[in-house]
């Protein structure tokens, strides 16, 4: 999670719920005031977001966890956010996307000792993540990506082609302002 999205949403008067797998990044965003609050609980994050929306209060919420696990759970619970931006490491999944971990699993060891297995796990997690986004989109969320062109190697592009019909942010909302 970067700081730009939660800060921009808050400055625009909105409510952001940002999922981040690395608790150190969430802590850094709290310290720099890009986030107002953070939690490890999906239920608490949803409650905070819904409360802020009801009160028409701008707030940024960090949720520690893996989006590939948490977004499908949001769908199951019927929590469908407003605009859903994809700004993470899909284009460079082999480098920066963290797959769903099993209990007590060392993903760094898996990545270095079994890179092919790790990559397969990354792709499976991305597919689960993407399917949740597409379901949110079917239920009315606006799904956008922040990068312009997918940079997946051929196999990854084939596996994740269902995601790329979502528009990029700049062409969908910004570019026409400059024409």
N, C-alpha and C. Protein backbone atom coordinates (compact mmCIF):
# COMPACT_ATOMS: atom_id res chain seq x y z
N UNK A 1 0.84 -1.17 0.00
CA UNK A 1 0.00 0.00 0.00
C UNK A 1 0.88 1.23 0.00
N UNK A 2 0.60 2.09 -0.91
CA UNK A 2 1.24 3.39 -0.90
C UNK A 2 0.45 4.34 -0.03
N UNK A 3 0.91 5.54 0.09
CA UNK A 3 0.20 6.52 0.89
C UNK A 3 -0.74 7.38 0.08
N UNK A 4 -0.54 7.43 -1.23
CA UNK A 4 -1.31 8.36 -2.07
C UNK A 4 -2.80 8.05 -2.06
N UNK A 5 -3.19 6.79 -2.21
CA UNK A 5 -4.60 6.47 -2.32
C UNK A 5 -5.36 6.79 -1.03
N UNK A 6 -4.92 6.31 0.14
CA UNK A 6 -5.71 6.64 1.34
C UNK A 6 -5.76 8.14 1.61
N UNK A 7 -4.67 8.84 1.36
CA UNK A 7 -4.65 10.28 1.60
C UNK A 7 -5.56 11.01 0.62
N UNK A 8 -5.50 10.65 -0.65
CA UNK A 8 -6.33 11.31 -1.66
C UNK A 8 -7.81 11.08 -1.39
N UNK A 9 -8.17 9.86 -1.01
CA UNK A 9 -9.57 9.56 -0.73
C UNK A 9 -10.05 10.35 0.47
N UNK A 10 -9.21 10.42 1.50
CA UNK A 10 -9.59 11.20 2.68
C UNK A 10 -9.73 12.68 2.33
N UNK A 11 -8.78 13.23 1.58
CA UNK A 11 -8.84 14.64 1.21
C UNK A 11 -10.09 14.95 0.37
N UNK A 12 -10.56 13.94 -0.38
CA UNK A 12 -11.76 14.11 -1.19
C UNK A 12 -13.03 13.88 -0.38
N UNK A 13 -12.87 13.58 0.92
CA UNK A 13 -14.03 13.39 1.79
C UNK A 13 -14.56 11.98 1.83
N UNK A 14 -13.77 11.02 1.35
CA UNK A 14 -14.23 9.64 1.30
C UNK A 14 -13.70 8.78 2.42
N UNK A 15 -14.03 7.51 2.34
CA UNK A 15 -13.59 6.50 3.30
C UNK A 15 -12.77 5.48 2.52
N UNK A 16 -11.55 5.22 2.97
CA UNK A 16 -10.74 4.20 2.30
C UNK A 16 -10.46 3.05 3.27
N UNK A 17 -10.54 1.86 2.72
CA UNK A 17 -10.17 0.65 3.44
C UNK A 17 -9.07 0.01 2.60
N UNK A 18 -7.84 0.10 3.09
CA UNK A 18 -6.67 -0.34 2.32
C UNK A 18 -6.10 -1.61 2.93
N UNK A 19 -6.02 -2.67 2.13
CA UNK A 19 -5.50 -3.94 2.59
C UNK A 19 -4.00 -3.99 2.28
N UNK A 20 -3.23 -4.37 3.27
CA UNK A 20 -1.77 -4.45 3.12
C UNK A 20 -1.27 -5.69 3.86
N UNK A 21 -0.47 -6.49 3.18
CA UNK A 21 0.03 -7.73 3.76
C UNK A 21 1.19 -7.48 4.74
N UNK A 22 1.88 -6.37 4.61
CA UNK A 22 3.06 -6.08 5.43
C UNK A 22 2.68 -5.13 6.57
N UNK A 23 2.66 -5.61 7.81
CA UNK A 23 2.28 -4.74 8.93
C UNK A 23 3.22 -3.55 9.12
N UNK A 24 4.48 -3.68 8.71
CA UNK A 24 5.42 -2.55 8.83
C UNK A 24 4.99 -1.39 7.93
N UNK A 25 4.46 -1.69 6.77
CA UNK A 25 3.98 -0.63 5.87
C UNK A 25 2.77 0.09 6.46
N UNK A 26 1.90 -0.68 7.08
CA UNK A 26 0.75 -0.05 7.72
C UNK A 26 1.23 0.85 8.86
N UNK A 27 2.16 0.36 9.66
CA UNK A 27 2.68 1.17 10.76
C UNK A 27 3.32 2.46 10.24
N UNK A 28 4.07 2.36 9.15
CA UNK A 28 4.68 3.55 8.56
C UNK A 28 3.62 4.54 8.09
N UNK A 29 2.54 4.05 7.50
CA UNK A 29 1.47 4.94 7.04
C UNK A 29 0.74 5.58 8.22
N UNK A 30 0.64 4.89 9.33
CA UNK A 30 0.06 5.50 10.53
C UNK A 30 0.97 6.60 11.07
N UNK A 31 2.27 6.31 11.12
CA UNK A 31 3.24 7.28 11.64
C UNK A 31 3.30 8.55 10.79
N UNK A 32 3.14 8.40 9.49
CA UNK A 32 3.19 9.56 8.59
C UNK A 32 1.80 10.16 8.35
N UNK A 33 0.79 9.62 9.01
CA UNK A 33 -0.59 10.11 8.99
C UNK A 33 -1.26 9.95 7.61
N UNK A 34 -0.77 9.01 6.82
CA UNK A 34 -1.48 8.67 5.59
C UNK A 34 -2.67 7.78 5.92
N UNK A 35 -2.61 7.10 7.06
CA UNK A 35 -3.73 6.31 7.57
C UNK A 35 -4.15 6.89 8.91
N UNK A 36 -5.45 6.84 9.17
CA UNK A 36 -5.96 7.31 10.46
C UNK A 36 -5.96 6.20 11.50
N UNK A 37 -6.28 4.99 11.07
CA UNK A 37 -6.39 3.87 12.00
C UNK A 37 -6.06 2.59 11.26
N UNK A 38 -5.82 1.53 12.02
CA UNK A 38 -5.50 0.23 11.42
C UNK A 38 -6.04 -0.88 12.31
N UNK A 39 -6.26 -2.02 11.68
CA UNK A 39 -6.77 -3.18 12.39
C UNK A 39 -6.31 -4.45 11.68
N UNK A 40 -6.35 -5.54 12.42
CA UNK A 40 -6.07 -6.86 11.84
C UNK A 40 -7.36 -7.62 11.57
N UNK A 41 -8.49 -7.03 11.91
CA UNK A 41 -9.79 -7.70 11.83
C UNK A 41 -10.62 -7.15 10.67
N UNK A 42 -11.00 -8.02 9.78
CA UNK A 42 -11.87 -7.62 8.67
C UNK A 42 -13.20 -7.08 9.19
N UNK A 43 -13.77 -7.77 10.17
CA UNK A 43 -15.06 -7.32 10.71
C UNK A 43 -14.95 -5.91 11.29
N UNK A 44 -13.88 -5.63 12.03
CA UNK A 44 -13.69 -4.30 12.59
C UNK A 44 -13.47 -3.27 11.48
N UNK A 45 -12.69 -3.62 10.47
CA UNK A 45 -12.44 -2.69 9.37
C UNK A 45 -13.74 -2.33 8.66
N UNK A 46 -14.59 -3.32 8.41
CA UNK A 46 -15.87 -3.07 7.76
C UNK A 46 -16.75 -2.20 8.66
N UNK A 47 -16.78 -2.50 9.94
CA UNK A 47 -17.57 -1.70 10.88
C UNK A 47 -17.10 -0.25 10.89
N UNK A 48 -15.78 -0.05 10.94
CA UNK A 48 -15.23 1.32 10.93
C UNK A 48 -15.59 2.05 9.63
N UNK A 49 -15.48 1.36 8.51
CA UNK A 49 -15.77 1.98 7.21
C UNK A 49 -17.25 2.33 7.10
N UNK A 50 -18.11 1.41 7.50
CA UNK A 50 -19.55 1.68 7.41
C UNK A 50 -19.96 2.80 8.36
N UNK A 51 -19.39 2.82 9.55
CA UNK A 51 -19.68 3.88 10.52
C UNK A 51 -19.26 5.24 9.98
N UNK A 52 -18.05 5.32 9.42
CA UNK A 52 -17.56 6.58 8.86
C UNK A 52 -18.44 7.03 7.70
N UNK A 53 -18.86 6.10 6.88
CA UNK A 53 -19.72 6.45 5.74
C UNK A 53 -21.06 6.99 6.24
N UNK A 54 -21.63 6.33 7.22
CA UNK A 54 -22.91 6.77 7.79
C UNK A 54 -22.79 8.17 8.39
N UNK A 55 -21.67 8.43 9.08
CA UNK A 55 -21.44 9.73 9.71
C UNK A 55 -20.91 10.77 8.73
N UNK A 56 -20.68 10.33 7.47
CA UNK A 56 -20.12 11.21 6.44
C UNK A 56 -18.78 11.80 6.91
N UNK A 57 -17.97 10.92 7.49
CA UNK A 57 -16.68 11.30 8.04
C UNK A 57 -15.57 10.73 7.15
N UNK A 58 -14.67 11.58 6.72
CA UNK A 58 -13.53 11.12 5.91
C UNK A 58 -12.55 10.40 6.82
N UNK A 59 -12.18 9.19 6.43
CA UNK A 59 -11.25 8.40 7.25
C UNK A 59 -10.52 7.40 6.36
N UNK A 60 -9.29 7.10 6.75
CA UNK A 60 -8.50 6.08 6.04
C UNK A 60 -8.19 4.96 7.02
N UNK A 61 -8.49 3.73 6.60
CA UNK A 61 -8.37 2.56 7.45
C UNK A 61 -7.40 1.57 6.80
N UNK A 62 -6.42 1.13 7.54
CA UNK A 62 -5.51 0.09 7.07
C UNK A 62 -5.93 -1.25 7.64
N UNK A 63 -5.97 -2.26 6.81
CA UNK A 63 -6.32 -3.61 7.23
C UNK A 63 -5.16 -4.54 6.90
N UNK A 64 -4.57 -5.12 7.94
CA UNK A 64 -3.45 -6.03 7.73
C UNK A 64 -3.97 -7.38 7.28
N UNK A 65 -3.46 -7.85 6.15
CA UNK A 65 -3.85 -9.16 5.65
C UNK A 65 -3.57 -9.27 4.17
N UNK A 66 -3.85 -10.42 3.63
CA UNK A 66 -3.64 -10.69 2.22
C UNK A 66 -4.95 -10.46 1.47
N UNK A 67 -4.92 -9.58 0.50
CA UNK A 67 -6.13 -9.24 -0.25
C UNK A 67 -6.73 -10.46 -0.95
N UNK A 68 -5.91 -11.42 -1.31
CA UNK A 68 -6.41 -12.63 -1.96
C UNK A 68 -7.31 -13.44 -1.02
N UNK A 69 -7.12 -13.28 0.27
CA UNK A 69 -7.99 -13.93 1.26
C UNK A 69 -9.12 -13.00 1.69
N UNK A 70 -8.81 -11.72 1.89
CA UNK A 70 -9.78 -10.80 2.47
C UNK A 70 -10.85 -10.34 1.50
N UNK A 71 -10.52 -10.11 0.24
CA UNK A 71 -11.53 -9.65 -0.71
C UNK A 71 -12.62 -10.69 -0.95
N UNK A 72 -12.28 -11.98 -1.12
CA UNK A 72 -13.36 -12.98 -1.23
C UNK A 72 -14.24 -13.02 0.02
N UNK A 73 -13.64 -12.80 1.18
CA UNK A 73 -14.43 -12.78 2.42
C UNK A 73 -15.35 -11.56 2.45
N UNK A 74 -14.87 -10.42 1.95
CA UNK A 74 -15.74 -9.24 1.85
C UNK A 74 -16.95 -9.55 0.98
N UNK A 75 -16.71 -10.21 -0.15
CA UNK A 75 -17.80 -10.58 -1.06
C UNK A 75 -18.79 -11.49 -0.33
N UNK A 76 -18.27 -12.50 0.38
CA UNK A 76 -19.13 -13.42 1.12
C UNK A 76 -20.01 -12.68 2.13
N UNK A 77 -19.43 -11.67 2.77
CA UNK A 77 -20.16 -10.92 3.77
C UNK A 77 -21.08 -9.85 3.16
N UNK A 78 -21.00 -9.68 1.84
CA UNK A 78 -21.84 -8.70 1.17
C UNK A 78 -21.32 -7.27 1.26
N UNK A 79 -20.06 -7.11 1.66
CA UNK A 79 -19.47 -5.77 1.74
C UNK A 79 -18.84 -5.45 0.40
N UNK A 80 -19.46 -4.56 -0.34
CA UNK A 80 -18.98 -4.19 -1.66
C UNK A 80 -18.59 -2.71 -1.59
N UNK A 81 -17.30 -2.41 -1.68
CA UNK A 81 -16.86 -1.02 -1.57
C UNK A 81 -17.21 -0.23 -2.82
N UNK A 82 -17.00 1.08 -2.74
CA UNK A 82 -17.15 1.94 -3.90
C UNK A 82 -16.02 1.64 -4.88
N UNK A 83 -15.38 2.64 -5.44
CA UNK A 83 -14.29 2.36 -6.39
C UNK A 83 -13.25 1.43 -5.80
N UNK A 84 -12.83 0.47 -6.58
CA UNK A 84 -11.84 -0.52 -6.16
C UNK A 84 -10.64 -0.38 -7.06
N UNK A 85 -9.58 0.18 -6.52
CA UNK A 85 -8.38 0.41 -7.32
C UNK A 85 -7.38 -0.71 -7.13
N UNK A 86 -6.77 -1.13 -8.21
CA UNK A 86 -5.70 -2.12 -8.15
C UNK A 86 -4.40 -1.37 -8.35
N UNK A 87 -3.61 -1.32 -7.33
CA UNK A 87 -2.34 -0.61 -7.47
C UNK A 87 -1.17 -1.46 -7.02
N UNK A 88 -1.41 -2.72 -6.78
CA UNK A 88 -0.33 -3.54 -6.22
C UNK A 88 0.56 -4.13 -7.30
N UNK A 89 1.12 -5.24 -7.04
CA UNK A 89 2.18 -5.79 -7.86
C UNK A 89 1.71 -6.77 -8.93
N UNK A 90 0.46 -6.71 -9.39
CA UNK A 90 0.05 -7.61 -10.46
C UNK A 90 0.99 -7.55 -11.66
N UNK A 91 1.38 -6.35 -12.11
CA UNK A 91 2.24 -6.31 -13.29
C UNK A 91 3.61 -6.94 -13.05
N UNK A 92 4.06 -7.00 -11.82
CA UNK A 92 5.37 -7.59 -11.50
C UNK A 92 5.17 -8.69 -10.46
N UNK A 93 4.21 -9.56 -10.70
CA UNK A 93 3.82 -10.54 -9.70
C UNK A 93 4.96 -11.45 -9.27
N UNK A 94 5.88 -11.71 -10.15
CA UNK A 94 7.00 -12.58 -9.81
C UNK A 94 7.94 -11.93 -8.80
N UNK A 95 7.81 -10.62 -8.60
CA UNK A 95 8.69 -9.89 -7.69
C UNK A 95 7.98 -9.52 -6.39
N UNK A 96 6.80 -8.93 -6.50
CA UNK A 96 6.24 -8.29 -5.33
C UNK A 96 4.92 -8.78 -4.81
N UNK A 97 4.25 -9.68 -5.48
CA UNK A 97 2.97 -10.15 -4.99
C UNK A 97 3.20 -11.28 -4.00
N UNK A 98 2.57 -11.20 -2.84
CA UNK A 98 2.73 -12.21 -1.80
C UNK A 98 1.54 -13.17 -1.87
N UNK A 99 1.80 -14.46 -2.08
CA UNK A 99 0.68 -15.41 -2.17
C UNK A 99 0.09 -15.68 -0.79
N UNK A 100 -1.05 -16.33 -0.79
CA UNK A 100 -1.65 -16.77 0.46
C UNK A 100 -0.70 -17.76 1.11
N UNK A 101 -0.43 -17.55 2.38
CA UNK A 101 0.49 -18.42 3.13
C UNK A 101 -0.31 -19.45 3.93
N UNK A 102 0.28 -20.61 4.07
CA UNK A 102 -0.27 -21.63 4.96
C UNK A 102 0.26 -21.34 6.37
N UNK A 103 -0.40 -21.87 7.37
CA UNK A 103 0.02 -21.64 8.75
C UNK A 103 1.49 -22.02 8.94
N UNK A 104 2.22 -21.14 9.58
CA UNK A 104 3.64 -21.34 9.90
C UNK A 104 4.52 -21.59 8.67
N UNK A 105 4.16 -21.03 7.54
CA UNK A 105 4.93 -21.22 6.32
C UNK A 105 5.89 -20.05 6.12
N UNK A 106 7.09 -20.35 5.70
CA UNK A 106 8.09 -19.33 5.40
C UNK A 106 8.09 -19.10 3.88
N UNK A 107 7.39 -18.05 3.46
CA UNK A 107 7.29 -17.78 2.03
C UNK A 107 8.61 -17.36 1.41
N UNK A 108 9.48 -16.71 2.19
CA UNK A 108 10.80 -16.34 1.66
C UNK A 108 11.61 -17.59 1.34
N UNK A 109 11.54 -18.60 2.20
CA UNK A 109 12.25 -19.86 1.93
C UNK A 109 11.65 -20.54 0.71
N UNK A 110 10.33 -20.56 0.61
CA UNK A 110 9.68 -21.17 -0.55
C UNK A 110 10.12 -20.47 -1.83
N UNK A 111 10.15 -19.14 -1.81
CA UNK A 111 10.54 -18.39 -3.00
C UNK A 111 11.97 -18.72 -3.43
N UNK A 112 12.88 -18.85 -2.47
CA UNK A 112 14.28 -19.11 -2.84
C UNK A 112 14.55 -20.58 -3.13
N UNK A 113 13.89 -21.50 -2.42
CA UNK A 113 14.17 -22.92 -2.59
C UNK A 113 13.33 -23.59 -3.68
N UNK A 114 12.12 -23.08 -3.88
CA UNK A 114 11.22 -23.66 -4.88
C UNK A 114 10.54 -22.54 -5.66
N UNK A 115 11.29 -21.83 -6.48
CA UNK A 115 10.72 -20.67 -7.16
C UNK A 115 9.52 -20.99 -8.06
N UNK A 116 9.52 -22.16 -8.69
CA UNK A 116 8.39 -22.51 -9.56
C UNK A 116 7.13 -22.73 -8.73
N UNK A 117 7.26 -23.40 -7.62
CA UNK A 117 6.11 -23.63 -6.74
C UNK A 117 5.60 -22.28 -6.21
N UNK A 118 6.53 -21.42 -5.82
CA UNK A 118 6.16 -20.09 -5.32
C UNK A 118 5.39 -19.32 -6.39
N UNK A 119 5.89 -19.33 -7.62
CA UNK A 119 5.24 -18.62 -8.72
C UNK A 119 3.84 -19.18 -8.98
N UNK A 120 3.69 -20.49 -8.92
CA UNK A 120 2.36 -21.09 -9.09
C UNK A 120 1.42 -20.64 -7.99
N UNK A 121 1.91 -20.55 -6.77
CA UNK A 121 1.10 -20.07 -5.65
C UNK A 121 0.73 -18.60 -5.84
N UNK A 122 1.66 -17.81 -6.34
CA UNK A 122 1.37 -16.39 -6.63
C UNK A 122 0.23 -16.31 -7.64
N UNK A 123 0.34 -17.06 -8.72
CA UNK A 123 -0.69 -17.02 -9.76
C UNK A 123 -2.04 -17.47 -9.23
N UNK A 124 -2.06 -18.51 -8.39
CA UNK A 124 -3.32 -18.97 -7.81
C UNK A 124 -3.93 -17.90 -6.90
N UNK A 125 -3.09 -17.23 -6.13
CA UNK A 125 -3.59 -16.17 -5.24
C UNK A 125 -4.11 -14.98 -6.05
N UNK A 126 -3.39 -14.62 -7.10
CA UNK A 126 -3.85 -13.52 -7.95
C UNK A 126 -5.20 -13.87 -8.57
N UNK A 127 -5.35 -15.10 -9.03
CA UNK A 127 -6.62 -15.51 -9.62
C UNK A 127 -7.76 -15.37 -8.62
N UNK A 128 -7.53 -15.77 -7.38
CA UNK A 128 -8.55 -15.66 -6.34
C UNK A 128 -8.86 -14.19 -6.06
N UNK A 129 -7.83 -13.38 -5.99
CA UNK A 129 -7.94 -11.94 -5.76
C UNK A 129 -8.76 -11.29 -6.88
N UNK A 130 -8.40 -11.61 -8.11
CA UNK A 130 -9.06 -11.04 -9.28
C UNK A 130 -10.53 -11.46 -9.35
N UNK A 131 -10.81 -12.71 -9.06
CA UNK A 131 -12.20 -13.17 -9.09
C UNK A 131 -13.05 -12.40 -8.09
N UNK A 132 -12.49 -12.09 -6.93
CA UNK A 132 -13.23 -11.30 -5.94
C UNK A 132 -13.48 -9.88 -6.46
N UNK A 133 -12.48 -9.29 -7.10
CA UNK A 133 -12.66 -7.95 -7.67
C UNK A 133 -13.75 -7.98 -8.75
N UNK A 134 -13.71 -8.98 -9.61
CA UNK A 134 -14.71 -9.07 -10.67
C UNK A 134 -16.11 -9.27 -10.10
N UNK A 135 -16.21 -10.04 -9.01
CA UNK A 135 -17.52 -10.22 -8.38
C UNK A 135 -18.00 -8.91 -7.76
N UNK A 136 -17.08 -8.17 -7.15
CA UNK A 136 -17.44 -6.85 -6.62
C UNK A 136 -17.92 -5.95 -7.75
N UNK A 137 -17.24 -6.02 -8.89
CA UNK A 137 -17.63 -5.22 -10.04
C UNK A 137 -19.03 -5.62 -10.52
N UNK A 138 -19.30 -6.92 -10.57
CA UNK A 138 -20.64 -7.39 -10.97
C UNK A 138 -21.71 -6.87 -10.01
N UNK A 139 -21.32 -6.66 -8.75
CA UNK A 139 -22.27 -6.19 -7.75
C UNK A 139 -22.30 -4.66 -7.62
N UNK A 140 -21.60 -3.97 -8.52
CA UNK A 140 -21.72 -2.52 -8.56
C UNK A 140 -20.48 -1.71 -8.23
N UNK A 141 -19.41 -2.34 -7.77
CA UNK A 141 -18.18 -1.59 -7.49
C UNK A 141 -17.53 -1.17 -8.80
N UNK A 142 -16.82 -0.07 -8.76
CA UNK A 142 -16.02 0.37 -9.90
C UNK A 142 -14.64 -0.24 -9.72
N UNK A 143 -14.22 -1.07 -10.65
CA UNK A 143 -12.91 -1.71 -10.55
C UNK A 143 -11.97 -1.07 -11.56
N UNK A 144 -10.87 -0.57 -11.07
CA UNK A 144 -9.88 0.11 -11.91
C UNK A 144 -8.50 -0.42 -11.61
N UNK A 145 -7.61 -0.26 -12.55
CA UNK A 145 -6.20 -0.54 -12.30
C UNK A 145 -5.42 0.75 -12.50
N UNK A 146 -4.33 0.90 -11.79
CA UNK A 146 -3.57 2.13 -11.87
C UNK A 146 -2.46 2.08 -12.91
N UNK A 147 -2.10 0.90 -13.39
CA UNK A 147 -1.08 0.83 -14.41
C UNK A 147 -1.73 0.79 -15.78
N UNK A 148 -0.98 1.18 -16.80
CA UNK A 148 -1.53 1.28 -18.14
C UNK A 148 -1.54 -0.05 -18.90
N UNK A 149 -0.42 -0.70 -18.94
CA UNK A 149 -0.31 -1.93 -19.72
C UNK A 149 0.14 -3.07 -18.82
N UNK A 150 -0.55 -4.20 -18.88
CA UNK A 150 -0.10 -5.34 -18.09
C UNK A 150 1.28 -5.79 -18.56
N UNK A 151 2.14 -6.09 -17.61
CA UNK A 151 3.50 -6.47 -17.95
C UNK A 151 3.77 -7.92 -17.60
N UNK A 152 2.72 -8.72 -17.52
CA UNK A 152 2.90 -10.13 -17.19
C UNK A 152 3.64 -10.86 -18.30
N UNK A 153 4.47 -11.81 -17.94
CA UNK A 153 4.98 -12.73 -18.96
C UNK A 153 3.78 -13.45 -19.60
N UNK A 154 3.96 -14.04 -20.74
CA UNK A 154 2.87 -14.65 -21.49
C UNK A 154 1.98 -15.57 -20.69
N UNK A 155 2.54 -16.48 -19.91
CA UNK A 155 1.73 -17.42 -19.15
C UNK A 155 0.88 -16.70 -18.11
N UNK A 156 1.46 -15.76 -17.41
CA UNK A 156 0.70 -15.02 -16.40
C UNK A 156 -0.40 -14.20 -17.06
N UNK A 157 -0.11 -13.61 -18.21
CA UNK A 157 -1.12 -12.83 -18.93
C UNK A 157 -2.29 -13.73 -19.31
N UNK A 158 -2.00 -14.94 -19.77
CA UNK A 158 -3.06 -15.87 -20.13
C UNK A 158 -3.91 -16.23 -18.91
N UNK A 159 -3.26 -16.48 -17.79
CA UNK A 159 -3.99 -16.88 -16.58
C UNK A 159 -4.86 -15.76 -16.04
N UNK A 160 -4.42 -14.52 -16.20
CA UNK A 160 -5.11 -13.41 -15.56
C UNK A 160 -5.83 -12.51 -16.55
N UNK A 161 -6.08 -12.99 -17.76
CA UNK A 161 -6.69 -12.15 -18.79
C UNK A 161 -8.05 -11.61 -18.36
N UNK A 162 -8.73 -12.32 -17.45
CA UNK A 162 -10.05 -11.85 -17.02
C UNK A 162 -9.96 -10.51 -16.31
N UNK A 163 -8.82 -10.16 -15.76
CA UNK A 163 -8.71 -8.91 -15.03
C UNK A 163 -8.59 -7.71 -15.94
N UNK A 164 -7.95 -7.87 -17.06
CA UNK A 164 -7.57 -6.71 -17.85
C UNK A 164 -8.70 -5.99 -18.56
N UNK A 165 -9.94 -6.55 -18.62
CA UNK A 165 -11.02 -5.73 -19.16
C UNK A 165 -11.34 -4.51 -18.28
N UNK A 166 -10.90 -4.49 -17.03
CA UNK A 166 -11.16 -3.32 -16.20
C UNK A 166 -10.30 -2.17 -16.71
N UNK A 167 -10.88 -0.98 -16.74
CA UNK A 167 -10.12 0.15 -17.30
C UNK A 167 -9.02 0.63 -16.37
N UNK A 168 -8.04 1.25 -16.95
CA UNK A 168 -7.00 1.92 -16.16
C UNK A 168 -7.57 3.24 -15.67
N UNK A 169 -7.09 3.72 -14.55
CA UNK A 169 -7.61 4.94 -13.92
C UNK A 169 -7.47 6.16 -14.83
N UNK A 170 -6.30 6.35 -15.40
CA UNK A 170 -6.06 7.57 -16.19
C UNK A 170 -7.01 7.65 -17.39
N UNK A 171 -7.11 6.62 -18.24
CA UNK A 171 -8.04 6.74 -19.37
C UNK A 171 -9.50 6.85 -18.92
N UNK A 172 -9.87 6.20 -17.82
CA UNK A 172 -11.26 6.21 -17.39
C UNK A 172 -11.69 7.53 -16.78
N UNK A 173 -10.78 8.22 -16.07
CA UNK A 173 -11.21 9.40 -15.33
C UNK A 173 -10.41 10.68 -15.60
N UNK A 174 -9.20 10.57 -16.08
CA UNK A 174 -8.33 11.74 -16.16
C UNK A 174 -8.12 12.23 -17.59
N UNK A 175 -7.81 11.34 -18.52
CA UNK A 175 -7.36 11.72 -19.85
C UNK A 175 -8.31 12.69 -20.55
N UNK A 176 -9.63 12.45 -20.48
CA UNK A 176 -10.58 13.34 -21.17
C UNK A 176 -10.54 14.77 -20.64
N UNK A 177 -10.07 14.95 -19.43
CA UNK A 177 -9.96 16.31 -18.87
C UNK A 177 -8.91 17.14 -19.60
N UNK A 178 -8.00 16.47 -20.30
CA UNK A 178 -6.91 17.17 -20.98
C UNK A 178 -7.08 17.24 -22.48
N UNK A 179 -8.18 16.74 -22.99
CA UNK A 179 -8.42 16.74 -24.45
C UNK A 179 -9.17 17.97 -24.87
